[in-house]
PDB file of N, CA and C in Angstrom:
ATOM      1  N   ILE A   1       0.919  -1.273  -0.194  1.00  0.00           N
ATOM      2  CA  ILE A   1      -0.027  -0.010  -0.202  1.00  0.00           C
ATOM      3  C   ILE A   1       0.896   1.071   0.034  1.00  0.00           C
ATOM      4  N   SER A   2       1.915   1.029   0.682  1.00  0.00           N
ATOM      5  CA  SER A   2       2.593   2.448   0.622  1.00  0.00           C
ATOM      6  C   SER A   2       3.370   2.876  -0.492  1.00  0.00           C
ATOM      7  N   LEU A   3       3.801   1.387  -0.902  1.00  0.00           N
ATOM      8  CA  LEU A   3       4.595   1.956  -2.507  1.00  0.00           C
ATOM      9  C   LEU A   3       3.952   2.326  -3.040  1.00  0.00           C
ATOM     10  N   LEU A   4       2.035   2.199  -3.020  1.00  0.00           N
ATOM     11  CA  LEU A   4       1.327   2.366  -4.317  1.00  0.00           C
ATOM     12  C   LEU A   4       1.139   3.921  -3.918  1.00  0.00           C
ATOM     13  N   LYS A   5       0.890   4.336  -2.630  1.00  0.00           N
ATOM     14  CA  LYS A   5       0.566   6.215  -2.257  1.00  0.00           C
ATOM     15  C   LYS A   5       1.856   6.659  -2.402  1.00  0.00           C
ATOM     16  N   LYS A   6       3.431   5.927  -2.490  1.00  0.00           N
ATOM     17  CA  LYS A   6       4.198   6.816  -2.930  1.00  0.00           C
ATOM     18  C   LYS A   6       4.324   6.648  -4.552  1.00  0.00           C
ATOM     19  N   ASN A   7       4.089   6.182  -5.473  1.00  0.00           N
ATOM     20  CA  ASN A   7       3.549   6.112  -6.513  1.00  0.00           C
ATOM     21  C   ASN A   7       2.694   7.019  -7.166  1.00  0.00           C
ATOM     22  N   GLY A   8       1.246   7.718  -6.562  1.00  0.00           N
ATOM     23  CA  GLY A   8       0.620   8.634  -6.742  1.00  0.00           C
ATOM     24  C   GLY A   8      -0.722   7.112  -7.014  1.00  0.00           C
ATOM     25  N   LYS A   9      -0.630   5.959  -6.662  1.00  0.00           N
ATOM     26  CA  LYS A   9      -1.524   5.303  -6.619  1.00  0.00           C
ATOM     27  C   LYS A   9      -2.972   4.786  -6.191  1.00  0.00           C
ATOM     28  N   GLN A  10      -2.808   5.820  -5.411  1.00  0.00           N
ATOM     29  CA  GLN A  10      -4.098   6.005  -4.724  1.00  0.00           C
ATOM     30  C   GLN A  10      -5.728   5.242  -5.249  1.00  0.00           C
ATOM     31  N   SER A  11      -5.743   5.910  -6.476  1.00  0.00           N
ATOM     32  CA  SER A  11      -7.022   5.527  -7.021  1.00  0.00           C
ATOM     33  C   SER A  11      -7.098   3.420  -7.394  1.00  0.00           C
ATOM     34  N   VAL A  12      -5.730   2.889  -7.185  1.00  0.00           N
ATOM     35  CA  VAL A  12      -5.643   1.748  -7.538  1.00  0.00           C
ATOM     36  C   VAL A  12      -6.616   0.752  -6.170  1.00  0.00           C
ATOM     37  N   ILE A  13      -5.938   1.493  -4.992  1.00  0.00           N
ATOM     38  CA  ILE A  13      -6.322   1.355  -3.333  1.00  0.00           C
ATOM     39  C   ILE A  13      -7.651   1.740  -3.473  1.00  0.00           C
ATOM     40  N   ASP A  14      -8.071   2.513  -4.306  1.00  0.00           N
ATOM     41  CA  ASP A  14      -9.924   3.239  -3.952  1.00  0.00           C
ATOM     42  C   ASP A  14     -10.452   1.525  -4.609  1.00  0.00           C
ATOM     43  N   ASP A  15     -10.373   1.795  -5.683  1.00  0.00           N
ATOM     44  CA  ASP A  15     -11.002   0.724  -7.268  1.00  0.00           C
ATOM     45  C   ASP A  15     -10.809  -0.786  -5.645  1.00  0.00           C
ATOM     46  N   VAL A  16     -10.142  -1.371  -5.696  1.00  0.00           N
ATOM     47  CA  VAL A  16      -9.346  -2.313  -5.187  1.00  0.00           C
ATOM     48  C   VAL A  16     -10.633  -2.381  -3.650  1.00  0.00           C
ATOM     49  N   TYR A  17     -10.824  -1.856  -2.614  1.00  0.00           N
ATOM     50  CA  TYR A  17     -11.196  -1.785  -2.114  1.00  0.00           C
ATOM     51  C   TYR A  17     -12.771  -1.750  -2.136  1.00  0.00           C
ATOM     52  N   LYS A  18     -13.276  -0.828  -3.518  1.00  0.00           N
ATOM     53  CA  LYS A  18     -14.967  -0.914  -3.653  1.00  0.00           C
ATOM     54  C   LYS A  18     -15.055  -2.336  -4.258  1.00  0.00           C
ATOM     55  N   ARG A  19     -14.154  -2.869  -4.526  1.00  0.00           N
ATOM     56  CA  ARG A  19     -14.629  -3.707  -5.478  1.00  0.00           C
ATOM     57  C   ARG A  19     -14.412  -4.967  -4.554  1.00  0.00           C
ATOM     58  N   CYS A  20     -13.796  -5.278  -3.259  1.00  0.00           N
ATOM     59  CA  CYS A  20     -13.655  -6.201  -2.759  1.00  0.00           C
ATOM     60  C   CYS A  20     -15.078  -6.089  -1.459  1.00  0.00           C
ATOM     61  N   LYS A  21     -15.496  -4.754  -0.992  1.00  0.00           N
ATOM     62  CA  LYS A  21     -16.924  -4.726  -0.662  1.00  0.00           C
ATOM     63  C   LYS A  21     -17.932  -5.444  -1.615  1.00  0.00           C
ATOM     64  N   GLU A  22     -18.082  -5.168  -2.913  1.00  0.00           N
ATOM     65  CA  GLU A  22     -19.165  -5.782  -3.805  1.00  0.00           C
ATOM     66  C   GLU A  22     -18.282  -6.811  -3.643  1.00  0.00           C
ATOM     67  N   GLN A  23     -17.785  -7.417  -3.440  1.00  0.00           N
ATOM     68  CA  GLN A  23     -18.032  -9.134  -3.752  1.00  0.00           C
ATOM     69  C   GLN A  23     -17.909  -9.337  -2.615  1.00  0.00           C
ATOM     70  N   LEU A  24     -18.168  -9.059  -1.108  1.00  0.00           N
ATOM     71  CA  LEU A  24     -18.679  -9.174  -0.108  1.00  0.00           C
ATOM     72  C   LEU A  24     -19.555  -9.530  -0.152  1.00  0.00           C
ATOM     73  N   THR A  25     -20.788  -9.109  -0.770  1.00  0.00           N
ATOM     74  CA  THR A  25     -22.199  -9.370  -1.197  1.00  0.00           C
ATOM     75  C   THR A  25     -22.738 -10.238  -1.377  1.00  0.00           C
ATOM     76  N   MET A  26     -21.528 -10.947  -2.586  1.00  0.00           N
ATOM     77  CA  MET A  26     -21.996 -12.238  -3.719  1.00  0.00           C
ATOM     78  C   MET A  26     -22.101 -13.342  -2.826  1.00  0.00           C
ATOM     79  N   PRO A  27     -22.409 -14.440  -3.246  1.00  0.00           N
ATOM     80  CA  PRO A  27     -22.456 -15.598  -2.751  1.00  0.00           C
ATOM     81  C   PRO A  27     -20.726 -16.436  -3.160  1.00  0.00           C
ATOM     82  N   THR A  28     -20.515 -16.816  -1.528  1.00  0.00           N
ATOM     83  CA  THR A  28     -18.506 -16.901  -1.504  1.00  0.00           C
ATOM     84  C   THR A  28     -18.173 -18.212  -2.974  1.00  0.00           C
ATOM     85  N   SER A  29     -19.132 -18.588  -3.106  1.00  0.00           N
ATOM     86  CA  SER A  29     -18.628 -19.508  -4.709  1.00  0.00           C
ATOM     87  C   SER A  29     -18.361 -18.802  -6.005  1.00  0.00           C
ATOM     88  N   GLU A  30     -18.936 -17.216  -6.056  1.00  0.00           N
ATOM     89  CA  GLU A  30     -18.937 -16.156  -6.946  1.00  0.00           C
ATOM     90  C   GLU A  30     -17.593 -15.541  -6.686  1.00  0.00           C
ATOM     91  N   MET A  31     -16.868 -15.657  -5.465  1.00  0.00           N
ATOM     92  CA  MET A  31     -16.415 -14.561  -5.272  1.00  0.00           C
ATOM     93  C   MET A  31     -14.731 -14.728  -5.611  1.00  0.00           C
ATOM     94  N   LEU A  32     -14.373 -13.132  -6.378  1.00  0.00           N
ATOM     95  CA  LEU A  32     -13.017 -13.206  -7.270  1.00  0.00           C
ATOM     96  C   LEU A  32     -11.982 -12.586  -5.792  1.00  0.00           C
ATOM     97  N   ASN A  33     -11.038 -12.365  -6.476  1.00  0.00           N
ATOM     98  CA  ASN A  33      -9.682 -11.861  -5.737  1.00  0.00           C
ATOM     99  C   ASN A  33      -9.589 -10.669  -6.493  1.00  0.00           C
ATOM    100  N   PRO A  34      -9.865  -9.252  -6.129  1.00  0.00           N
ATOM    101  CA  PRO A  34      -9.305  -8.347  -6.176  1.00  0.00           C
ATOM    102  C   PRO A  34      -8.098  -8.017  -5.879  1.00  0.00           C
ATOM    103  N   VAL A  35      -7.926  -8.001  -5.081  1.00  0.00           N
ATOM    104  CA  VAL A  35      -6.560  -7.719  -4.275  1.00  0.00           C
ATOM    105  C   VAL A  35      -4.838  -8.165  -4.982  1.00  0.00           C
ATOM    106  N   LYS A  36      -5.407  -8.605  -6.261  1.00  0.00           N
ATOM    107  CA  LYS A  36      -4.019  -9.503  -6.274  1.00  0.00           C
ATOM    108  C   LYS A  36      -3.893  -7.983  -7.559  1.00  0.00           C
ATOM    109  N   ASP A  37      -4.805  -7.170  -8.067  1.00  0.00           N
ATOM    110  CA  ASP A  37      -4.442  -6.106  -8.737  1.00  0.00           C
ATOM    111  C   ASP A  37      -3.857  -5.159  -8.612  1.00  0.00           C
ATOM    112  N   ILE A  38      -4.236  -5.037  -7.211  1.00  0.00           N
ATOM    113  CA  ILE A  38      -2.738  -3.860  -6.375  1.00  0.00           C
ATOM    114  C   ILE A  38      -1.028  -4.325  -6.602  1.00  0.00           C
ATOM    115  N   TYR A  39      -0.678  -5.554  -6.896  1.00  0.00           N
ATOM    116  CA  TYR A  39       0.574  -6.319  -7.023  1.00  0.00           C
ATOM    117  C   TYR A  39       0.844  -6.163  -8.482  1.00  0.00           C
ATOM    118  N   ARG A  40      -0.018  -6.300  -9.108  1.00  0.00           N
ATOM    119  CA  ARG A  40       0.139  -6.206 -11.050  1.00  0.00           C
ATOM    120  C   ARG A  40       0.965  -4.823 -11.712  1.00  0.00           C
ATOM    121  N   ALA A  41       1.006  -3.572 -10.555  1.00  0.00           N
ATOM    122  CA  ALA A  41       1.722  -2.794 -10.965  1.00  0.00           C
ATOM    123  C   ALA A  41       3.217  -3.031 -10.427  1.00  0.00           C
ATOM    124  N   PHE A  42       3.598  -3.513  -9.607  1.00  0.00           N
ATOM    125  CA  PHE A  42       4.891  -3.947  -9.512  1.00  0.00           C
ATOM    126  C   PHE A  42       5.750  -5.171  -9.674  1.00  0.00           C
ATOM    127  N   THR A  43       6.879  -5.150  -9.667  1.00  0.00           N
ATOM    128  CA  THR A  43       7.642  -6.214  -9.892  1.00  0.00           C
ATOM    129  C   THR A  43       8.290  -6.874  -9.069  1.00  0.00           C
ATOM    130  N   ALA A  44       8.630  -8.417  -8.938  1.00  0.00           N
ATOM    131  CA  ALA A  44       8.830  -9.328  -7.583  1.00  0.00           C
ATOM    132  C   ALA A  44       9.984  -8.211  -7.041  1.00  0.00           C
ATOM    133  N   VAL A  45      11.007  -8.022  -7.417  1.00  0.00           N
ATOM    134  CA  VAL A  45      11.945  -7.219  -7.210  1.00  0.00           C
ATOM    135  C   VAL A  45      11.725  -5.620  -6.266  1.00  0.00           C
ATOM    136  N   GLU A  46      10.756  -4.861  -7.164  1.00  0.00           N
ATOM    137  CA  GLU A  46      10.032  -3.720  -6.562  1.00  0.00           C
ATOM    138  C   GLU A  46       9.494  -4.065  -4.791  1.00  0.00           C
ATOM    139  N   ILE A  47       8.717  -5.270  -5.201  1.00  0.00           N
ATOM    140  CA  ILE A  47       7.895  -5.742  -3.938  1.00  0.00           C
ATOM    141  C   ILE A  47       8.764  -6.276  -3.028  1.00  0.00           C
ATOM    142  N   SER A  48       9.577  -6.862  -3.158  1.00  0.00           N
ATOM    143  CA  SER A  48      10.865  -7.224  -2.208  1.00  0.00           C
ATOM    144  C   SER A  48      11.552  -6.156  -1.610  1.00  0.00           C
ATOM    145  N   ASP A  49      11.820  -5.436  -2.644  1.00  0.00           N
ATOM    146  CA  ASP A  49      12.370  -3.740  -2.074  1.00  0.00           C
ATOM    147  C   ASP A  49      11.785  -3.295  -1.160  1.00  0.00           C
ATOM    148  N   GLU A  50      10.520  -2.900  -1.085  1.00  0.00           N
ATOM    149  CA  GLU A  50       9.384  -2.074  -0.413  1.00  0.00           C
ATOM    150  C   GLU A  50       9.326  -2.585   0.798  1.00  0.00           C
ATOM    151  N   ILE A  51       9.071  -4.377   1.095  1.00  0.00           N
ATOM    152  CA  ILE A  51       9.320  -5.094   2.466  1.00  0.00           C
ATOM    153  C   ILE A  51      10.534  -5.001   3.021  1.00  0.00           C
ATOM    154  N   ALA A  52      11.827  -5.139   2.328  1.00  0.00           N
ATOM    155  CA  ALA A  52      12.717  -4.583   2.597  1.00  0.00           C
ATOM    156  C   ALA A  52      12.607  -3.074   3.767  1.00  0.00           C
ATOM    157  N   ASN A  53      12.519  -1.769   2.772  1.00  0.00           N
ATOM    158  CA  ASN A  53      12.256  -1.058   3.380  1.00  0.00           C
ATOM    159  C   ASN A  53      11.541  -0.889   4.526  1.00  0.00           C
ATOM    160  N   LEU A  54      10.499  -1.287   4.710  1.00  0.00           N
ATOM    161  CA  LEU A  54       9.611  -1.325   6.000  1.00  0.00           C
ATOM    162  C   LEU A  54      10.080  -2.194   7.142  1.00  0.00           C
ATOM    163  N   ILE A  55      10.647  -3.451   6.849  1.00  0.00           N
ATOM    164  CA  ILE A  55      11.601  -4.327   8.366  1.00  0.00           C
ATOM    165  C   ILE A  55      12.222  -3.342   8.253  1.00  0.00           C
ATOM    166  N   ARG A  56      13.253  -2.668   7.621  1.00  0.00           N
ATOM    167  CA  ARG A  56      14.374  -2.384   8.344  1.00  0.00           C
ATOM    168  C   ARG A  56      14.501  -1.319   9.704  1.00  0.00           C
ATOM    169  N   PRO A  57      14.959  -1.951  10.709  1.00  0.00           N
ATOM    170  CA  PRO A  57      15.965  -0.948  11.446  1.00  0.00           C
ATOM    171  C   PRO A  57      16.481   0.385  11.178  1.00  0.00           C
ATOM    172  N   ASP A  58      16.055   1.197  12.037  1.00  0.00           N
ATOM    173  CA  ASP A  58      16.787   2.647  11.810  1.00  0.00           C
ATOM    174  C   ASP A  58      18.162   2.449  11.653  1.00  0.00           C
ATOM    175  N   ASP A  59      18.757   1.822  12.767  1.00  0.00           N
ATOM    176  CA  ASP A  59      19.993   1.850  13.076  1.00  0.00           C
ATOM    177  C   ASP A  59      20.607   0.984  12.220  1.00  0.00           C
ATOM    178  N   LEU A  60      20.427  -0.006  11.562  1.00  0.00           N
ATOM    179  CA  LEU A  60      21.006  -0.785  10.313  1.00  0.00           C
ATOM    180  C   LEU A  60      21.651   0.095   9.443  1.00  0.00           C
ATOM    181  N   LYS A  61      22.692  -0.363   9.362  1.00  0.00           N
ATOM    182  CA  LYS A  61      23.964   0.295   8.520  1.00  0.00           C
ATOM    183  C   LYS A  61      23.977  -0.455   7.420  1.00  0.00           C
ATOM    184  N   ALA A  62      23.981  -1.553   7.443  1.00  0.00           N
ATOM    185  CA  ALA A  62      24.323  -2.528   6.279  1.00  0.00           C
ATOM    186  C   ALA A  62      23.203  -2.055   5.256  1.00  0.00           C
ATOM    187  N   ASP A  63      23.360  -3.391   3.964  1.00  0.00           N
ATOM    188  CA  ASP A  63      22.234  -2.949   3.038  1.00  0.00           C
ATOM    189  C   ASP A  63      21.007  -4.411   3.503  1.00  0.00           C
ATOM    190  N   LEU A  64      19.858  -4.001   2.943  1.00  0.00           N
ATOM    191  CA  LEU A  64      19.630  -5.138   3.533  1.00  0.00           C
ATOM    192  C   LEU A  64      18.243  -5.288   2.302  1.00  0.00           C
ATOM    193  N   LYS A  65      18.634  -6.472   1.388  1.00  0.00           N
ATOM    194  CA  LYS A  65      17.720  -7.154   0.710  1.00  0.00           C
ATOM    195  C   LYS A  65      16.897  -8.282   1.090  1.00  0.00           C
ATOM    196  N   ILE A  66      15.497  -8.430   0.478  1.00  0.00           N
ATOM    197  CA  ILE A  66      14.775  -9.435   0.483  1.00  0.00           C
ATOM    198  C   ILE A  66      14.125  -9.956  -0.420  1.00  0.00           C
ATOM    199  N   VAL A  67      14.667 -11.460  -0.648  1.00  0.00           N
ATOM    200  CA  VAL A  67      14.620 -11.962  -2.062  1.00  0.00           C
ATOM    201  C   VAL A  67      13.897 -13.182  -1.512  1.00  0.00           C
ATOM    202  N   TYR A  68      12.964 -13.797  -2.241  1.00  0.00           N
ATOM    203  CA  TYR A  68      11.721 -14.463  -2.244  1.00  0.00           C
ATOM    204  C   TYR A  68      11.880 -15.328  -4.032  1.00  0.00           C
ATOM    205  N   GLN A  69      11.797 -16.211  -3.953  1.00  0.00           N
ATOM    206  CA  GLN A  69      11.599 -17.357  -5.220  1.00  0.00           C
ATOM    207  C   GLN A  69      11.241 -16.768  -5.865  1.00  0.00           C
ATOM    208  N   LYS A  70      10.670 -16.823  -7.051  1.00  0.00           N
ATOM    209  CA  LYS A  70       9.116 -17.069  -8.289  1.00  0.00           C
ATOM    210  C   LYS A  70       8.733 -17.940  -7.948  1.00  0.00           C
ATOM    211  N   ILE A  71       7.620 -17.469  -8.406  1.00  0.00           N
ATOM    212  CA  ILE A  71       6.353 -18.413  -8.115  1.00  0.00           C
ATOM    213  C   ILE A  71       6.338 -19.991  -9.779  1.00  0.00           C
ATOM    214  N   GLU A  72       7.054 -19.130 -10.710  1.00  0.00           N
ATOM    215  CA  GLU A  72       6.887 -20.420 -11.707  1.00  0.00           C
ATOM    216  C   GLU A  72       8.819 -21.234 -11.040  1.00  0.00           C
ATOM    217  N   ASP A  73       9.595 -20.631 -10.209  1.00  0.00           N
ATOM    218  CA  ASP A  73      10.475 -21.515  -9.861  1.00  0.00           C
ATOM    219  C   ASP A  73       9.835 -22.146  -8.691  1.00  0.00           C
ATOM    220  N   LEU A  74       9.367 -21.802  -7.635  1.00  0.00           N
ATOM    221  CA  LEU A  74       7.858 -22.601  -6.716  1.00  0.00           C
ATOM    222  C   LEU A  74       7.555 -23.925  -7.090  1.00  0.00           C
ATOM    223  N   HIS A  75       6.734 -23.643  -8.718  1.00  0.00           N
ATOM    224  CA  HIS A  75       5.750 -24.235  -9.542  1.00  0.00           C
ATOM    225  C   HIS A  75       7.064 -25.326  -9.511  1.00  0.00           C
ATOM    226  N   ALA A  76       8.409 -25.065  -9.826  1.00  0.00           N
ATOM    227  CA  ALA A  76       9.096 -25.999 -10.295  1.00  0.00           C
ATOM    228  C   ALA A  76       9.436 -27.268  -9.229  1.00  0.00           C
ATOM    229  N   ALA A  77       9.662 -26.100  -8.279  1.00  0.00           N
ATOM    230  CA  ALA A  77      10.497 -27.143  -6.869  1.00  0.00           C
ATOM    231  C   ALA A  77       9.668 -27.627  -6.429  1.00  0.00           C
ATOM    232  N   CYS A  78       8.203 -27.516  -6.210  1.00  0.00           N
ATOM    233  CA  CYS A  78       7.018 -28.247  -5.670  1.00  0.00           C
ATOM    234  C   CYS A  78       6.047 -28.713  -6.648  1.00  0.00           C
ATOM    235  N   SER A  79       6.309 -29.400  -7.628  1.00  0.00           N
ATOM    236  CA  SER A  79       5.263 -29.022  -8.957  1.00  0.00           C
ATOM    237  C   SER A  79       4.478 -29.946  -8.615  1.00  0.00           C
ATOM    238  N   ALA A  80       4.268 -30.797  -7.647  1.00  0.00           N
ATOM    239  CA  ALA A  80       2.755 -32.287  -6.889  1.00  0.00           C
ATOM    240  C   ALA A  80       1.775 -31.078  -5.678  1.00  0.00           C
ATOM    241  N   HIS A  81       2.243 -29.990  -5.951  1.00  0.00           N
ATOM    242  CA  HIS A  81       1.630 -29.120  -5.065  1.00  0.00           C
ATOM    243  C   HIS A  81       1.699 -27.833  -5.371  1.00  0.00           C
ATOM    244  N   THR A  82       0.014 -27.230  -5.290  1.00  0.00           N
ATOM    245  CA  THR A  82      -0.563 -26.156  -5.903  1.00  0.00           C
ATOM    246  C   THR A  82      -0.560 -24.866  -4.902  1.00  0.00           C
ATOM    247  N   GLY A  83      -0.159 -25.112  -3.975  1.00  0.00           N
ATOM    248  CA  GLY A  83      -0.232 -24.145  -2.654  1.00  0.00           C
ATOM    249  C   GLY A  83       0.317 -22.822  -3.009  1.00  0.00           C
ATOM    250  N   ASP A  84       0.120 -22.177  -3.401  1.00  0.00           N
ATOM    251  CA  ASP A  84       1.171 -20.392  -3.537  1.00  0.00           C
ATOM    252  C   ASP A  84       0.132 -20.023  -3.274  1.00  0.00           C
ATOM    253  N   TRP A  85      -0.669 -20.020  -3.062  1.00  0.00           N
ATOM    254  CA  TRP A  85      -1.801 -18.896  -3.369  1.00  0.00           C
ATOM    255  C   TRP A  85      -1.218 -17.934  -2.263  1.00  0.00           C
ATOM    256  N   TYR A  86      -0.617 -18.157  -1.248  1.00  0.00           N
ATOM    257  CA  TYR A  86       0.215 -17.116  -0.002  1.00  0.00           C
ATOM    258  C   TYR A  86       0.550 -15.920  -0.931  1.00  0.00           C
ATOM    259  N   PHE A  87       1.671 -16.521  -2.247  1.00  0.00           N
ATOM    260  CA  PHE A  87       2.308 -15.399  -3.343  1.00  0.00           C
ATOM    261  C   PHE A  87       1.689 -15.348  -4.117  1.00  0.00           C
ATOM    262  N   SER A  88       0.958 -16.173  -4.578  1.00  0.00           N
ATOM    263  CA  SER A  88       0.264 -15.365  -6.008  1.00  0.00           C
ATOM    264  C   SER A  88      -1.732 -14.909  -6.165  1.00  0.00           C
ATOM    265  N   GLY A  89      -1.863 -15.363  -4.278  1.00  0.00           N
ATOM    266  CA  GLY A  89      -3.613 -14.540  -4.563  1.00  0.00           C
ATOM    267  C   GLY A  89      -4.326 -15.365  -5.504  1.00  0.00           C
ATOM    268  N   ASP A  90      -4.105 -16.385  -5.602  1.00  0.00           N
ATOM    269  CA  ASP A  90      -4.347 -17.962  -6.426  1.00  0.00           C
ATOM    270  C   ASP A  90      -4.737 -18.503  -5.290  1.00  0.00           C
ATOM    271  N   TYR A  91      -6.103 -18.454  -4.662  1.00  0.00           N
ATOM    272  CA  TYR A  91      -6.660 -19.456  -3.542  1.00  0.00           C
ATOM    273  C   TYR A  91      -7.293 -20.670  -4.066  1.00  0.00           C
ATOM    274  N   PRO A  92      -7.190 -21.798  -3.638  1.00  0.00           N
ATOM    275  CA  PRO A  92      -7.125 -22.732  -4.112  1.00  0.00           C
ATOM    276  C   PRO A  92      -8.911 -23.309  -3.339  1.00  0.00           C
ATOM    277  N   THR A  93      -9.534 -22.403  -2.958  1.00  0.00           N
ATOM    278  CA  THR A  93     -11.220 -22.782  -2.246  1.00  0.00           C
ATOM    279  C   THR A  93     -11.540 -21.187  -2.600  1.00  0.00           C
ATOM    280  N   PRO A  94     -13.180 -21.248  -2.844  1.00  0.00           N
ATOM    281  CA  PRO A  94     -13.867 -19.821  -3.049  1.00  0.00           C
ATOM    282  C   PRO A  94     -13.905 -18.972  -1.910  1.00  0.00           C
ATOM    283  N   GLY A  95     -13.624 -19.611  -0.510  1.00  0.00           N
ATOM    284  CA  GLY A  95     -13.431 -19.425   1.099  1.00  0.00           C
ATOM    285  C   GLY A  95     -11.931 -18.580   1.039  1.00  0.00           C
ATOM    286  N   GLY A  96     -11.026 -18.587   0.816  1.00  0.00           N
ATOM    287  CA  GLY A  96      -9.880 -17.964   0.379  1.00  0.00           C
ATOM    288  C   GLY A  96     -10.398 -16.734   0.188  1.00  0.00           C
ATOM    289  N   ASN A  97     -10.746 -16.521  -1.347  1.00  0.00           N
ATOM    290  CA  ASN A  97     -11.409 -14.982  -1.871  1.00  0.00           C
ATOM    291  C   ASN A  97     -12.103 -14.268  -0.671  1.00  0.00           C
ATOM    292  N   LYS A  98     -13.149 -14.995  -0.050  1.00  0.00           N
ATOM    293  CA  LYS A  98     -13.715 -14.184   0.225  1.00  0.00           C
ATOM    294  C   LYS A  98     -12.723 -13.916   1.922  1.00  0.00           C
ATOM    295  N   VAL A  99     -12.099 -14.450   2.436  1.00  0.00           N
ATOM    296  CA  VAL A  99     -10.893 -14.473   3.653  1.00  0.00           C
ATOM    297  C   VAL A  99     -10.003 -13.281   3.176  1.00  0.00           C
ATOM    298  N   VAL A 100      -9.554 -12.859   1.996  1.00  0.00           N
ATOM    299  CA  VAL A 100      -8.843 -11.733   1.199  1.00  0.00           C
ATOM    300  C   VAL A 100      -9.808 -10.428   0.973  1.00  0.00           C
ATOM    301  N   CYS A 101     -10.764 -10.341   0.682  1.00  0.00           N
ATOM    302  CA  CYS A 101     -11.613  -9.448   0.874  1.00  0.00           C
ATOM    303  C   CYS A 101     -12.203  -8.402   2.287  1.00  0.00           C
ATOM    304  N   ARG A 102     -12.699  -9.612   2.880  1.00  0.00           N
ATOM    305  CA  ARG A 102     -12.728  -9.028   3.907  1.00  0.00           C
ATOM    306  C   ARG A 102     -11.399  -8.522   4.837  1.00  0.00           C
ATOM    307  N   SER A 103     -10.295  -9.193   4.629  1.00  0.00           N
ATOM    308  CA  SER A 103      -9.147  -8.820   5.501  1.00  0.00           C
ATOM    309  C   SER A 103      -8.949  -6.985   4.764  1.00  0.00           C
ATOM    310  N   PHE A 104      -8.912  -7.025   3.422  1.00  0.00           N
ATOM    311  CA  PHE A 104      -8.275  -6.050   2.776  1.00  0.00           C
ATOM    312  C   PHE A 104      -9.340  -5.122   3.130  1.00  0.00           C
ATOM    313  N   VAL A 105     -10.181  -5.150   3.308  1.00  0.00           N
ATOM    314  CA  VAL A 105     -11.546  -3.807   3.725  1.00  0.00           C
ATOM    315  C   VAL A 105     -11.495  -3.464   4.889  1.00  0.00           C
ATOM    316  N   ASN A 106     -10.898  -4.639   6.024  1.00  0.00           N
ATOM    317  CA  ASN A 106     -11.131  -4.269   7.400  1.00  0.00           C
ATOM    318  C   ASN A 106      -9.909  -3.808   7.750  1.00  0.00           C
ATOM    319  N   PHE A 107      -8.533  -3.783   6.557  1.00  0.00           N
ATOM    320  CA  PHE A 107      -7.130  -2.912   6.728  1.00  0.00           C
ATOM    321  C   PHE A 107      -7.743  -1.322   5.999  1.00  0.00           C
ATOM    322  N   ILE A 108      -8.132  -1.280   5.411  1.00  0.00           N
ATOM    323  CA  ILE A 108      -8.416   0.077   4.881  1.00  0.00           C
ATOM    324  C   ILE A 108      -9.019   0.935   5.702  1.00  0.00           C
ATOM    325  N   GLU A 109     -10.306  -0.338   6.189  1.00  0.00           N
ATOM    326  CA  GLU A 109     -11.095   0.823   7.668  1.00  0.00           C
ATOM    327  C   GLU A 109     -10.582   0.944   8.682  1.00  0.00           C
ATOM    328  N   GLY A 110      -9.811   0.204   9.013  1.00  0.00           N
ATOM    329  CA  GLY A 110      -9.138   0.314  10.057  1.00  0.00           C
ATOM    330  C   GLY A 110      -9.198  -0.322  11.533  1.00  0.00           C
ATOM    331  N   ARG A 111     -10.122  -1.805  11.072  1.00  0.00           N
ATOM    332  CA  ARG A 111     -10.907  -2.669  11.595  1.00  0.00           C
ATOM    333  C   ARG A 111      -9.805  -3.437  11.978  1.00  0.00           C
ATOM    334  N   GLY A 112      -9.503  -4.222  13.300  1.00  0.00           N
ATOM    335  CA  GLY A 112      -8.533  -5.349  13.437  1.00  0.00           C
ATOM    336  C   GLY A 112      -9.475  -6.628  13.834  1.00  0.00           C
ATOM    337  N   GLY A 113      -8.750  -7.718  13.767  1.00  0.00           N
ATOM    338  CA  GLY A 113      -9.275  -9.028  14.154  1.00  0.00           C
ATOM    339  C   GLY A 113      -9.429  -9.661  12.672  1.00  0.00           C
ATOM    340  N   ARG A 114      -9.892 -11.216  13.030  1.00  0.00           N
ATOM    341  CA  ARG A 114     -10.040 -12.100  11.486  1.00  0.00           C
ATOM    342  C   ARG A 114     -10.940 -11.634  10.919  1.00  0.00           C
ATOM    343  N   ALA A 115     -10.605 -12.203   9.529  1.00  0.00           N
ATOM    344  CA  ALA A 115     -11.135 -12.043   8.225  1.00  0.00           C
ATOM    345  C   ALA A 115     -12.185 -13.500   8.524  1.00  0.00           C
ATOM    346  N   TYR A 116     -12.075 -14.372   9.571  1.00  0.00           N
ATOM    347  CA  TYR A 116     -12.813 -15.585   9.419  1.00  0.00           C
ATOM    348  C   TYR A 116     -13.223 -16.194  10.355  1.00  0.00           C
TER     349      TYR A 116
END
């Protein structure tokens, strides 16, 4: 979210929020994951660099890099498993889409607690 705000993409956040609210009115079996659209604007390297900036202690003098395996390489390494949804947003069940929509709405609205 902070990377989007820095790059003047608040409208993407607003649009995803609106679509998540709409999704929450639908039957769970028909829900989609609009939050994935936030990440489409960035490369994996840009996302990793932003995560490093977010967790970097103020007093750290060394460079900090966060490196994640590419989704394609994850699939190759674990070809018998399809559980990449934490990284891709492609949830294996409709309930995952409901949870991500509720989580995003809660985050934007400043509400804590579980989304499920």
